[in-house]
Amino acid sequence: MALIQCKECGNEVSDKAFSCPKCGAPVQSAQALFTEQSTTKVQEVVPQQFATTIPLHEKNAAFKIIAILMVIAVVVTVFFTLQSEPDSIADARFHGTPPSPVVVSSKVDKADTTTHTAVFATIQNQGGDGPVFVTFTVHLDNNDYEVSRPVFMKANQILDLAETFKEVKFLEGKIKFNVDARIE
């Protein structure tokens, strides 16, 4: 440690002091030393190879690429989510569960008079809502008499139907009949 004279008052001051203890004037050699030491420390902390800056146009390009990749990721995620969900809005709109009609029971009997034949059937829908075509067929003496009609059935609905054949006289045990329910 060396002693130097203060330029303001002439008092002896340490060369390491920042200011004169008597008058408070700054000591020039201490300021230069501090500036030199702080510059050296900054250079030691941040090596020259890392002190470079990235130009602004490169930062914007990197940001744009990241933003585009994020948008693509969101679109792909939404697409696969809608494809994997069976109850999605698009799936419900275009692909409902079709009806699945089953003839539970059927019988033939005489209608109001013995001059007519009636075929009775119970149809159960084991599928979704929709139109069902029910066909009643009576076979008598190598002649087939057939009546088809559409019926709208709700899911799990049981429906009792009857069809009268006026052209077929009821003959016990001699009439063959069939009831078919299907979708188209």
N, C-alpha and C. Protein backbone atom coordinates (compact mmCIF):
# COMPACT_ATOMS: atom_id res chain seq x y z
N MET A 1 0.85 -1.16 0.00
CA MET A 1 0.00 0.00 0.00
C MET A 1 0.90 1.24 0.00
N ALA A 2 0.63 2.10 -0.94
CA ALA A 2 1.42 3.34 -1.07
C ALA A 2 0.57 4.53 -0.68
N LEU A 3 1.23 5.55 -0.20
CA LEU A 3 0.53 6.78 0.18
C LEU A 3 0.74 7.80 -0.93
N ILE A 4 -0.36 8.45 -1.27
CA ILE A 4 -0.29 9.50 -2.27
C ILE A 4 -0.91 10.75 -1.68
N GLN A 5 -0.71 11.90 -2.32
CA GLN A 5 -1.27 13.16 -1.82
C GLN A 5 -2.61 13.43 -2.51
N CYS A 6 -3.55 13.91 -1.70
CA CYS A 6 -4.86 14.32 -2.24
C CYS A 6 -4.65 15.55 -3.07
N LYS A 7 -5.24 15.61 -4.24
CA LYS A 7 -5.08 16.74 -5.15
C LYS A 7 -5.84 17.97 -4.68
N GLU A 8 -6.78 17.81 -3.77
CA GLU A 8 -7.58 18.95 -3.30
C GLU A 8 -6.95 19.60 -2.05
N CYS A 9 -6.69 18.77 -1.05
CA CYS A 9 -6.23 19.34 0.22
C CYS A 9 -4.76 19.04 0.53
N GLY A 10 -4.10 18.15 -0.17
CA GLY A 10 -2.70 17.82 0.03
C GLY A 10 -2.47 16.79 1.12
N ASN A 11 -3.49 16.26 1.75
CA ASN A 11 -3.39 15.26 2.80
C ASN A 11 -2.89 13.95 2.20
N GLU A 12 -2.16 13.16 3.00
CA GLU A 12 -1.71 11.86 2.52
C GLU A 12 -2.87 10.87 2.60
N VAL A 13 -3.06 10.15 1.48
CA VAL A 13 -4.19 9.22 1.37
C VAL A 13 -3.66 7.91 0.80
N SER A 14 -4.22 6.82 1.22
CA SER A 14 -3.84 5.51 0.67
C SER A 14 -4.26 5.45 -0.80
N ASP A 15 -3.44 4.79 -1.61
CA ASP A 15 -3.79 4.66 -3.03
C ASP A 15 -4.95 3.68 -3.26
N LYS A 16 -5.34 2.95 -2.23
CA LYS A 16 -6.48 2.01 -2.32
C LYS A 16 -7.81 2.69 -1.93
N ALA A 17 -7.72 3.89 -1.31
CA ALA A 17 -8.92 4.59 -0.87
C ALA A 17 -9.63 5.20 -2.07
N PHE A 18 -10.93 5.30 -1.96
CA PHE A 18 -11.73 5.87 -3.04
C PHE A 18 -11.84 7.39 -2.92
N SER A 19 -11.77 7.86 -1.67
CA SER A 19 -11.86 9.30 -1.47
C SER A 19 -10.95 9.71 -0.30
N CYS A 20 -10.69 10.99 -0.26
CA CYS A 20 -9.84 11.53 0.82
C CYS A 20 -10.64 11.56 2.10
N PRO A 21 -10.07 11.05 3.25
CA PRO A 21 -10.83 11.07 4.50
C PRO A 21 -11.00 12.48 5.06
N LYS A 22 -10.15 13.43 4.66
CA LYS A 22 -10.22 14.78 5.21
C LYS A 22 -11.21 15.64 4.43
N CYS A 23 -11.09 15.67 3.10
CA CYS A 23 -11.96 16.57 2.31
C CYS A 23 -13.03 15.83 1.50
N GLY A 24 -12.87 14.52 1.33
CA GLY A 24 -13.87 13.74 0.59
C GLY A 24 -13.68 13.75 -0.90
N ALA A 25 -12.59 14.33 -1.38
CA ALA A 25 -12.34 14.36 -2.82
C ALA A 25 -12.00 12.95 -3.31
N PRO A 26 -12.44 12.61 -4.51
CA PRO A 26 -12.13 11.27 -5.01
C PRO A 26 -10.64 11.12 -5.32
N VAL A 27 -10.15 9.91 -5.07
CA VAL A 27 -8.76 9.60 -5.33
C VAL A 27 -8.71 8.96 -6.71
N GLN A 28 -7.95 9.55 -7.62
CA GLN A 28 -7.97 9.14 -9.02
C GLN A 28 -7.38 7.75 -9.22
N SER A 29 -6.36 7.39 -8.57
CA SER A 29 -5.73 6.09 -8.79
C SER A 29 -6.64 4.96 -8.33
N ALA A 30 -7.43 5.16 -7.29
CA ALA A 30 -8.36 4.13 -6.81
C ALA A 30 -9.48 3.93 -7.81
N GLN A 31 -9.95 5.02 -8.43
CA GLN A 31 -11.02 4.88 -9.42
C GLN A 31 -10.51 4.13 -10.64
N ALA A 32 -9.31 4.44 -11.08
CA ALA A 32 -8.74 3.75 -12.24
C ALA A 32 -8.53 2.27 -11.92
N LEU A 33 -8.05 1.99 -10.72
CA LEU A 33 -7.84 0.60 -10.31
C LEU A 33 -9.16 -0.16 -10.26
N PHE A 34 -10.19 0.49 -9.70
CA PHE A 34 -11.51 -0.15 -9.63
C PHE A 34 -12.05 -0.42 -11.02
N THR A 35 -11.93 0.55 -11.92
CA THR A 35 -12.42 0.37 -13.27
C THR A 35 -11.67 -0.75 -13.97
N GLU A 36 -10.37 -0.79 -13.78
CA GLU A 36 -9.56 -1.84 -14.40
C GLU A 36 -9.91 -3.21 -13.84
N GLN A 37 -10.11 -3.33 -12.51
CA GLN A 37 -10.45 -4.61 -11.89
C GLN A 37 -11.85 -5.07 -12.31
N SER A 38 -12.82 -4.16 -12.35
CA SER A 38 -14.19 -4.56 -12.71
C SER A 38 -14.25 -5.02 -14.16
N THR A 39 -13.49 -4.38 -15.04
CA THR A 39 -13.46 -4.80 -16.43
C THR A 39 -12.84 -6.19 -16.54
N THR A 40 -11.79 -6.44 -15.82
CA THR A 40 -11.13 -7.74 -15.84
C THR A 40 -12.07 -8.82 -15.31
N LYS A 41 -12.78 -8.53 -14.23
CA LYS A 41 -13.70 -9.52 -13.66
C LYS A 41 -14.84 -9.84 -14.63
N VAL A 42 -15.36 -8.86 -15.32
CA VAL A 42 -16.43 -9.10 -16.28
C VAL A 42 -15.92 -10.01 -17.39
N GLN A 43 -14.71 -9.74 -17.85
CA GLN A 43 -14.16 -10.57 -18.91
C GLN A 43 -13.91 -11.99 -18.43
N GLU A 44 -13.55 -12.16 -17.15
CA GLU A 44 -13.33 -13.50 -16.61
C GLU A 44 -14.65 -14.25 -16.44
N VAL A 45 -15.71 -13.56 -16.02
CA VAL A 45 -17.01 -14.19 -15.80
C VAL A 45 -17.65 -14.58 -17.11
N VAL A 46 -17.62 -13.73 -18.12
CA VAL A 46 -18.24 -14.00 -19.40
C VAL A 46 -17.14 -14.16 -20.44
N PRO A 47 -16.76 -15.39 -20.77
CA PRO A 47 -15.72 -15.60 -21.78
C PRO A 47 -16.16 -15.01 -23.12
N GLN A 48 -15.21 -14.66 -23.92
CA GLN A 48 -15.46 -14.01 -25.20
C GLN A 48 -16.34 -14.85 -26.12
N GLN A 49 -16.22 -16.19 -26.08
CA GLN A 49 -16.99 -17.03 -27.00
C GLN A 49 -18.49 -16.98 -26.73
N PHE A 50 -18.89 -16.64 -25.50
CA PHE A 50 -20.31 -16.55 -25.18
C PHE A 50 -20.84 -15.13 -25.21
N ALA A 51 -19.98 -14.17 -25.46
CA ALA A 51 -20.39 -12.77 -25.43
C ALA A 51 -21.02 -12.31 -26.74
N THR A 52 -21.23 -13.22 -27.69
CA THR A 52 -21.84 -12.82 -28.96
C THR A 52 -23.35 -12.69 -28.80
N THR A 53 -23.97 -11.89 -29.62
CA THR A 53 -25.42 -11.71 -29.59
C THR A 53 -26.02 -12.32 -30.84
N ILE A 54 -27.29 -12.78 -30.71
CA ILE A 54 -28.02 -13.36 -31.84
C ILE A 54 -28.75 -12.23 -32.55
N PRO A 55 -28.59 -12.13 -33.86
CA PRO A 55 -29.30 -11.06 -34.58
C PRO A 55 -30.82 -11.22 -34.44
N LEU A 56 -31.52 -10.10 -34.48
CA LEU A 56 -32.96 -10.08 -34.27
C LEU A 56 -33.71 -10.90 -35.32
N HIS A 57 -33.31 -10.88 -36.59
CA HIS A 57 -34.03 -11.63 -37.61
C HIS A 57 -33.93 -13.14 -37.39
N GLU A 58 -32.81 -13.60 -36.78
CA GLU A 58 -32.70 -15.03 -36.47
C GLU A 58 -33.62 -15.41 -35.31
N LYS A 59 -33.77 -14.52 -34.34
CA LYS A 59 -34.69 -14.78 -33.23
C LYS A 59 -36.12 -14.88 -33.74
N ASN A 60 -36.52 -13.98 -34.65
CA ASN A 60 -37.88 -14.01 -35.21
C ASN A 60 -38.11 -15.28 -36.01
N ALA A 61 -37.13 -15.73 -36.76
CA ALA A 61 -37.28 -16.95 -37.54
C ALA A 61 -37.45 -18.15 -36.63
N ALA A 62 -36.67 -18.21 -35.57
CA ALA A 62 -36.80 -19.32 -34.61
C ALA A 62 -38.18 -19.30 -33.95
N PHE A 63 -38.65 -18.12 -33.59
CA PHE A 63 -39.98 -18.00 -32.98
C PHE A 63 -41.07 -18.47 -33.94
N LYS A 64 -40.97 -18.09 -35.21
CA LYS A 64 -41.97 -18.50 -36.20
C LYS A 64 -41.99 -20.01 -36.38
N ILE A 65 -40.82 -20.62 -36.42
CA ILE A 65 -40.75 -22.09 -36.58
C ILE A 65 -41.39 -22.78 -35.39
N ILE A 66 -41.11 -22.31 -34.17
CA ILE A 66 -41.70 -22.91 -32.98
C ILE A 66 -43.22 -22.73 -32.98
N ALA A 67 -43.70 -21.57 -33.38
CA ALA A 67 -45.14 -21.31 -33.43
C ALA A 67 -45.82 -22.23 -34.45
N ILE A 68 -45.22 -22.42 -35.61
CA ILE A 68 -45.80 -23.30 -36.63
C ILE A 68 -45.84 -24.74 -36.14
N LEU A 69 -44.78 -25.21 -35.49
CA LEU A 69 -44.76 -26.57 -34.95
C LEU A 69 -45.83 -26.77 -33.88
N MET A 70 -46.06 -25.75 -33.06
CA MET A 70 -47.10 -25.86 -32.04
C MET A 70 -48.49 -25.94 -32.66
N VAL A 71 -48.75 -25.15 -33.70
CA VAL A 71 -50.06 -25.20 -34.38
C VAL A 71 -50.26 -26.58 -35.01
N ILE A 72 -49.24 -27.12 -35.64
CA ILE A 72 -49.34 -28.45 -36.25
C ILE A 72 -49.63 -29.51 -35.18
N ALA A 73 -48.98 -29.41 -34.05
CA ALA A 73 -49.21 -30.37 -32.96
C ALA A 73 -50.65 -30.31 -32.46
N VAL A 74 -51.21 -29.11 -32.34
CA VAL A 74 -52.60 -28.97 -31.89
C VAL A 74 -53.56 -29.57 -32.92
N VAL A 75 -53.34 -29.30 -34.19
CA VAL A 75 -54.22 -29.83 -35.24
C VAL A 75 -54.18 -31.35 -35.26
N VAL A 76 -53.00 -31.93 -35.17
CA VAL A 76 -52.87 -33.40 -35.17
C VAL A 76 -53.55 -33.99 -33.95
N THR A 77 -53.40 -33.38 -32.80
CA THR A 77 -54.03 -33.88 -31.58
C THR A 77 -55.55 -33.85 -31.70
N VAL A 78 -56.11 -32.76 -32.20
CA VAL A 78 -57.57 -32.66 -32.37
C VAL A 78 -58.06 -33.69 -33.38
N PHE A 79 -57.35 -33.87 -34.48
CA PHE A 79 -57.74 -34.83 -35.50
C PHE A 79 -57.82 -36.24 -34.92
N PHE A 80 -56.77 -36.68 -34.24
CA PHE A 80 -56.77 -38.03 -33.70
C PHE A 80 -57.75 -38.21 -32.55
N THR A 81 -58.02 -37.16 -31.81
CA THR A 81 -59.01 -37.25 -30.74
C THR A 81 -60.40 -37.47 -31.32
N LEU A 82 -60.75 -36.74 -32.37
CA LEU A 82 -62.06 -36.92 -33.00
C LEU A 82 -62.17 -38.28 -33.69
N GLN A 83 -61.09 -38.79 -34.24
CA GLN A 83 -61.12 -40.10 -34.90
C GLN A 83 -61.31 -41.23 -33.90
N SER A 84 -60.77 -41.09 -32.69
CA SER A 84 -60.82 -42.18 -31.73
C SER A 84 -62.08 -42.18 -30.88
N GLU A 85 -62.82 -41.10 -30.84
CA GLU A 85 -64.03 -41.03 -30.03
C GLU A 85 -65.23 -41.53 -30.81
N PRO A 86 -65.86 -42.65 -30.39
CA PRO A 86 -67.02 -43.13 -31.12
C PRO A 86 -68.26 -42.26 -30.92
N ASP A 87 -68.29 -41.48 -29.86
CA ASP A 87 -69.46 -40.65 -29.59
C ASP A 87 -69.25 -39.20 -30.01
N SER A 88 -68.34 -38.96 -30.93
CA SER A 88 -68.12 -37.59 -31.37
C SER A 88 -69.33 -37.08 -32.15
N ILE A 89 -69.44 -35.79 -32.31
CA ILE A 89 -70.59 -35.19 -32.99
C ILE A 89 -70.71 -35.68 -34.42
N ALA A 90 -69.62 -35.72 -35.14
CA ALA A 90 -69.66 -36.17 -36.53
C ALA A 90 -70.10 -37.63 -36.61
N ASP A 91 -69.62 -38.46 -35.69
CA ASP A 91 -69.97 -39.88 -35.70
C ASP A 91 -71.45 -40.07 -35.43
N ALA A 92 -72.00 -39.33 -34.47
CA ALA A 92 -73.41 -39.47 -34.13
C ALA A 92 -74.29 -38.98 -35.27
N ARG A 93 -73.86 -37.97 -35.99
CA ARG A 93 -74.66 -37.40 -37.05
C ARG A 93 -74.76 -38.34 -38.25
N PHE A 94 -73.70 -39.04 -38.59
CA PHE A 94 -73.66 -39.81 -39.82
C PHE A 94 -73.74 -41.32 -39.62
N HIS A 95 -73.45 -41.80 -38.43
CA HIS A 95 -73.40 -43.25 -38.23
C HIS A 95 -74.15 -43.64 -36.96
N GLY A 96 -75.47 -43.56 -36.98
CA GLY A 96 -76.22 -44.01 -35.83
C GLY A 96 -76.31 -45.53 -35.82
N THR A 97 -76.67 -46.10 -34.69
CA THR A 97 -76.84 -47.54 -34.61
C THR A 97 -78.10 -47.92 -35.36
N PRO A 98 -78.01 -48.81 -36.34
CA PRO A 98 -79.21 -49.17 -37.11
C PRO A 98 -80.15 -50.04 -36.28
N PRO A 99 -81.42 -50.06 -36.66
CA PRO A 99 -82.35 -50.95 -35.97
C PRO A 99 -81.96 -52.41 -36.22
N SER A 100 -82.33 -53.26 -35.31
CA SER A 100 -82.09 -54.69 -35.46
C SER A 100 -83.37 -55.43 -35.06
N PRO A 101 -84.33 -55.53 -36.00
CA PRO A 101 -85.63 -56.12 -35.66
C PRO A 101 -85.57 -57.65 -35.59
N VAL A 102 -86.32 -58.19 -34.66
CA VAL A 102 -86.44 -59.64 -34.50
C VAL A 102 -87.93 -59.96 -34.31
N VAL A 103 -88.39 -61.00 -35.05
CA VAL A 103 -89.77 -61.46 -34.86
C VAL A 103 -89.77 -62.36 -33.63
N VAL A 104 -90.42 -61.89 -32.57
CA VAL A 104 -90.44 -62.63 -31.31
C VAL A 104 -91.48 -63.74 -31.37
N SER A 105 -92.65 -63.43 -31.89
CA SER A 105 -93.71 -64.44 -32.01
C SER A 105 -94.62 -64.07 -33.16
N SER A 106 -95.27 -65.07 -33.72
CA SER A 106 -96.27 -64.82 -34.77
C SER A 106 -97.29 -65.95 -34.74
N LYS A 107 -98.46 -65.61 -35.17
CA LYS A 107 -99.52 -66.63 -35.23
C LYS A 107 -100.53 -66.22 -36.30
N VAL A 108 -101.30 -67.19 -36.75
CA VAL A 108 -102.35 -66.93 -37.71
C VAL A 108 -103.67 -67.27 -37.02
N ASP A 109 -104.67 -66.49 -37.32
CA ASP A 109 -105.97 -66.70 -36.69
C ASP A 109 -107.02 -66.15 -37.63
N LYS A 110 -108.26 -66.48 -37.32
CA LYS A 110 -109.32 -65.95 -38.16
C LYS A 110 -109.60 -64.51 -37.78
N ALA A 111 -109.97 -63.75 -38.76
CA ALA A 111 -110.30 -62.35 -38.53
C ALA A 111 -111.72 -62.26 -38.01
N ASP A 112 -112.40 -61.17 -38.30
CA ASP A 112 -113.76 -60.96 -37.80
C ASP A 112 -114.70 -62.08 -38.21
N THR A 113 -114.52 -62.56 -39.39
CA THR A 113 -115.38 -63.65 -39.87
C THR A 113 -114.48 -64.76 -40.38
N THR A 114 -115.02 -65.86 -40.72
CA THR A 114 -114.21 -66.97 -41.22
C THR A 114 -113.81 -66.77 -42.68
N THR A 115 -114.21 -65.63 -43.27
CA THR A 115 -113.84 -65.38 -44.66
C THR A 115 -112.52 -64.61 -44.77
N HIS A 116 -111.93 -64.24 -43.68
CA HIS A 116 -110.67 -63.50 -43.69
C HIS A 116 -109.65 -64.20 -42.78
N THR A 117 -108.36 -63.96 -43.11
CA THR A 117 -107.28 -64.51 -42.29
C THR A 117 -106.44 -63.36 -41.74
N ALA A 118 -106.07 -63.45 -40.48
CA ALA A 118 -105.23 -62.42 -39.85
C ALA A 118 -103.93 -63.06 -39.38
N VAL A 119 -102.84 -62.34 -39.62
CA VAL A 119 -101.53 -62.79 -39.13
C VAL A 119 -101.08 -61.76 -38.10
N PHE A 120 -100.72 -62.28 -36.92
CA PHE A 120 -100.29 -61.43 -35.81
C PHE A 120 -98.80 -61.66 -35.57
N ALA A 121 -98.09 -60.59 -35.23
CA ALA A 121 -96.66 -60.72 -34.96
C ALA A 121 -96.24 -59.73 -33.89
N THR A 122 -95.26 -60.16 -33.12
CA THR A 122 -94.62 -59.28 -32.14
C THR A 122 -93.18 -59.08 -32.60
N ILE A 123 -92.81 -57.83 -32.83
CA ILE A 123 -91.48 -57.48 -33.32
C ILE A 123 -90.75 -56.73 -32.20
N GLN A 124 -89.51 -57.12 -31.95
CA GLN A 124 -88.69 -56.41 -30.97
C GLN A 124 -87.47 -55.82 -31.69
N ASN A 125 -87.24 -54.54 -31.45
CA ASN A 125 -86.07 -53.87 -32.02
C ASN A 125 -84.93 -53.95 -31.02
N GLN A 126 -83.86 -54.64 -31.39
CA GLN A 126 -82.71 -54.79 -30.50
C GLN A 126 -81.57 -53.85 -30.87
N GLY A 127 -81.85 -52.88 -31.75
CA GLY A 127 -80.83 -51.91 -32.17
C GLY A 127 -81.29 -50.50 -31.89
N GLY A 128 -80.87 -49.56 -32.75
CA GLY A 128 -81.21 -48.15 -32.58
C GLY A 128 -82.52 -47.79 -33.26
N ASP A 129 -82.84 -46.50 -33.23
CA ASP A 129 -84.07 -46.00 -33.86
C ASP A 129 -83.95 -46.06 -35.38
N GLY A 130 -85.08 -46.29 -36.04
CA GLY A 130 -85.06 -46.25 -37.49
C GLY A 130 -86.21 -47.00 -38.12
N PRO A 131 -86.31 -46.92 -39.46
CA PRO A 131 -87.39 -47.60 -40.18
C PRO A 131 -87.13 -49.11 -40.29
N VAL A 132 -88.19 -49.87 -40.12
CA VAL A 132 -88.14 -51.33 -40.23
C VAL A 132 -89.25 -51.72 -41.20
N PHE A 133 -88.93 -52.65 -42.10
CA PHE A 133 -89.93 -53.15 -43.04
C PHE A 133 -90.39 -54.52 -42.57
N VAL A 134 -91.69 -54.64 -42.33
CA VAL A 134 -92.27 -55.89 -41.88
C VAL A 134 -93.06 -56.48 -43.05
N THR A 135 -92.78 -57.75 -43.35
CA THR A 135 -93.46 -58.43 -44.45
C THR A 135 -94.24 -59.61 -43.90
N PHE A 136 -95.54 -59.61 -44.16
CA PHE A 136 -96.42 -60.71 -43.80
C PHE A 136 -96.68 -61.52 -45.07
N THR A 137 -96.48 -62.82 -44.98
CA THR A 137 -96.72 -63.68 -46.15
C THR A 137 -97.60 -64.85 -45.74
N VAL A 138 -98.60 -65.11 -46.57
CA VAL A 138 -99.47 -66.28 -46.36
C VAL A 138 -99.37 -67.15 -47.61
N HIS A 139 -99.15 -68.48 -47.40
CA HIS A 139 -99.06 -69.45 -48.51
C HIS A 139 -100.30 -70.34 -48.44
N LEU A 140 -101.04 -70.39 -49.53
CA LEU A 140 -102.25 -71.23 -49.57
C LEU A 140 -102.45 -71.73 -50.99
N ASP A 141 -102.51 -73.05 -51.12
CA ASP A 141 -102.77 -73.67 -52.42
C ASP A 141 -101.82 -73.15 -53.51
N ASN A 142 -100.54 -73.19 -53.26
CA ASN A 142 -99.51 -72.74 -54.21
C ASN A 142 -99.62 -71.26 -54.57
N ASN A 143 -100.33 -70.49 -53.78
CA ASN A 143 -100.43 -69.03 -53.97
C ASN A 143 -99.81 -68.33 -52.76
N ASP A 144 -99.06 -67.31 -53.04
CA ASP A 144 -98.47 -66.51 -51.97
C ASP A 144 -99.15 -65.15 -51.95
N TYR A 145 -99.56 -64.74 -50.75
CA TYR A 145 -100.15 -63.43 -50.55
C TYR A 145 -99.20 -62.68 -49.61
N GLU A 146 -98.77 -61.51 -50.05
CA GLU A 146 -97.75 -60.81 -49.29
C GLU A 146 -98.13 -59.35 -49.12
N VAL A 147 -97.90 -58.84 -47.90
CA VAL A 147 -98.11 -57.43 -47.59
C VAL A 147 -96.87 -56.94 -46.83
N SER A 148 -96.24 -55.87 -47.32
CA SER A 148 -95.09 -55.26 -46.64
C SER A 148 -95.45 -53.84 -46.25
N ARG A 149 -94.96 -53.46 -45.10
CA ARG A 149 -95.20 -52.08 -44.68
C ARG A 149 -94.05 -51.59 -43.81
N PRO A 150 -93.71 -50.31 -43.98
CA PRO A 150 -92.65 -49.73 -43.14
C PRO A 150 -93.21 -49.31 -41.78
N VAL A 151 -92.41 -49.50 -40.77
CA VAL A 151 -92.78 -49.11 -39.41
C VAL A 151 -91.55 -48.45 -38.80
N PHE A 152 -91.73 -47.33 -38.15
CA PHE A 152 -90.61 -46.69 -37.45
C PHE A 152 -90.56 -47.24 -36.04
N MET A 153 -89.38 -47.77 -35.68
CA MET A 153 -89.24 -48.35 -34.34
C MET A 153 -88.14 -47.62 -33.58
N LYS A 154 -88.41 -47.41 -32.30
CA LYS A 154 -87.39 -46.83 -31.42
C LYS A 154 -86.54 -47.95 -30.86
N ALA A 155 -85.39 -47.59 -30.31
CA ALA A 155 -84.48 -48.58 -29.74
C ALA A 155 -85.18 -49.37 -28.64
N ASN A 156 -85.02 -50.67 -28.66
CA ASN A 156 -85.57 -51.61 -27.66
C ASN A 156 -87.09 -51.60 -27.58
N GLN A 157 -87.76 -51.15 -28.59
CA GLN A 157 -89.22 -51.11 -28.61
C GLN A 157 -89.78 -52.48 -28.99
N ILE A 158 -90.88 -52.86 -28.37
CA ILE A 158 -91.61 -54.08 -28.74
C ILE A 158 -92.94 -53.63 -29.34
N LEU A 159 -93.25 -54.17 -30.51
CA LEU A 159 -94.41 -53.71 -31.25
C LEU A 159 -95.26 -54.91 -31.68
N ASP A 160 -96.57 -54.86 -31.38
CA ASP A 160 -97.50 -55.89 -31.82
C ASP A 160 -98.18 -55.40 -33.10
N LEU A 161 -98.11 -56.21 -34.15
CA LEU A 161 -98.69 -55.86 -35.44
C LEU A 161 -99.64 -56.95 -35.89
N ALA A 162 -100.58 -56.56 -36.72
CA ALA A 162 -101.51 -57.52 -37.32
C ALA A 162 -101.78 -57.10 -38.75
N GLU A 163 -101.91 -58.11 -39.60
CA GLU A 163 -102.26 -57.84 -40.99
C GLU A 163 -103.38 -58.80 -41.38
N THR A 164 -104.41 -58.23 -42.00
CA THR A 164 -105.56 -59.04 -42.42
C THR A 164 -105.49 -59.28 -43.92
N PHE A 165 -105.69 -60.56 -44.29
CA PHE A 165 -105.73 -60.94 -45.70
C PHE A 165 -107.18 -61.27 -46.04
N LYS A 166 -107.85 -60.36 -46.71
CA LYS A 166 -109.26 -60.55 -47.03
C LYS A 166 -109.46 -61.60 -48.12
N GLU A 167 -108.46 -61.77 -48.97
CA GLU A 167 -108.59 -62.71 -50.08
C GLU A 167 -108.34 -64.16 -49.66
N VAL A 168 -107.91 -64.37 -48.41
CA VAL A 168 -107.61 -65.73 -47.94
C VAL A 168 -108.62 -66.12 -46.89
N LYS A 169 -109.35 -67.20 -47.18
CA LYS A 169 -110.32 -67.73 -46.23
C LYS A 169 -109.56 -68.50 -45.16
N PHE A 170 -109.93 -68.29 -43.92
CA PHE A 170 -109.23 -68.96 -42.84
C PHE A 170 -109.55 -70.44 -42.85
N LEU A 171 -108.52 -71.26 -42.93
CA LEU A 171 -108.65 -72.70 -42.87
C LEU A 171 -107.67 -73.19 -41.81
N GLU A 172 -108.18 -73.68 -40.70
CA GLU A 172 -107.30 -74.09 -39.60
C GLU A 172 -106.34 -75.18 -40.02
N GLY A 173 -105.03 -74.95 -39.74
CA GLY A 173 -104.02 -75.95 -39.98
C GLY A 173 -103.58 -76.08 -41.42
N LYS A 174 -104.24 -75.49 -42.38
CA LYS A 174 -103.89 -75.66 -43.78
C LYS A 174 -103.19 -74.43 -44.37
N ILE A 175 -103.05 -73.39 -43.59
CA ILE A 175 -102.41 -72.16 -44.09
C ILE A 175 -100.99 -72.09 -43.52
N LYS A 176 -100.04 -71.82 -44.41
CA LYS A 176 -98.68 -71.57 -43.97
C LYS A 176 -98.46 -70.07 -44.05
N PHE A 177 -97.71 -69.54 -43.10
CA PHE A 177 -97.47 -68.09 -43.07
C PHE A 177 -96.05 -67.82 -42.62
N ASN A 178 -95.65 -66.63 -42.88
CA ASN A 178 -94.31 -66.20 -42.50
C ASN A 178 -94.35 -64.70 -42.21
N VAL A 179 -93.58 -64.26 -41.20
CA VAL A 179 -93.42 -62.84 -40.90
C VAL A 179 -91.92 -62.54 -40.88
N ASP A 180 -91.54 -61.52 -41.63
CA ASP A 180 -90.13 -61.15 -41.72
C ASP A 180 -90.00 -59.66 -41.41
N ALA A 181 -89.02 -59.33 -40.61
CA ALA A 181 -88.75 -57.92 -40.29
C ALA A 181 -87.29 -57.63 -40.65
N ARG A 182 -87.04 -56.55 -41.39
CA ARG A 182 -85.69 -56.24 -41.84
C ARG A 182 -85.53 -54.72 -41.98
N ILE A 183 -84.29 -54.32 -42.17
CA ILE A 183 -84.01 -52.92 -42.45
C ILE A 183 -83.51 -52.81 -43.89
N GLU A 184 -83.65 -51.65 -44.46
CA GLU A 184 -83.15 -51.43 -45.83
C GLU A 184 -82.33 -50.18 -45.89
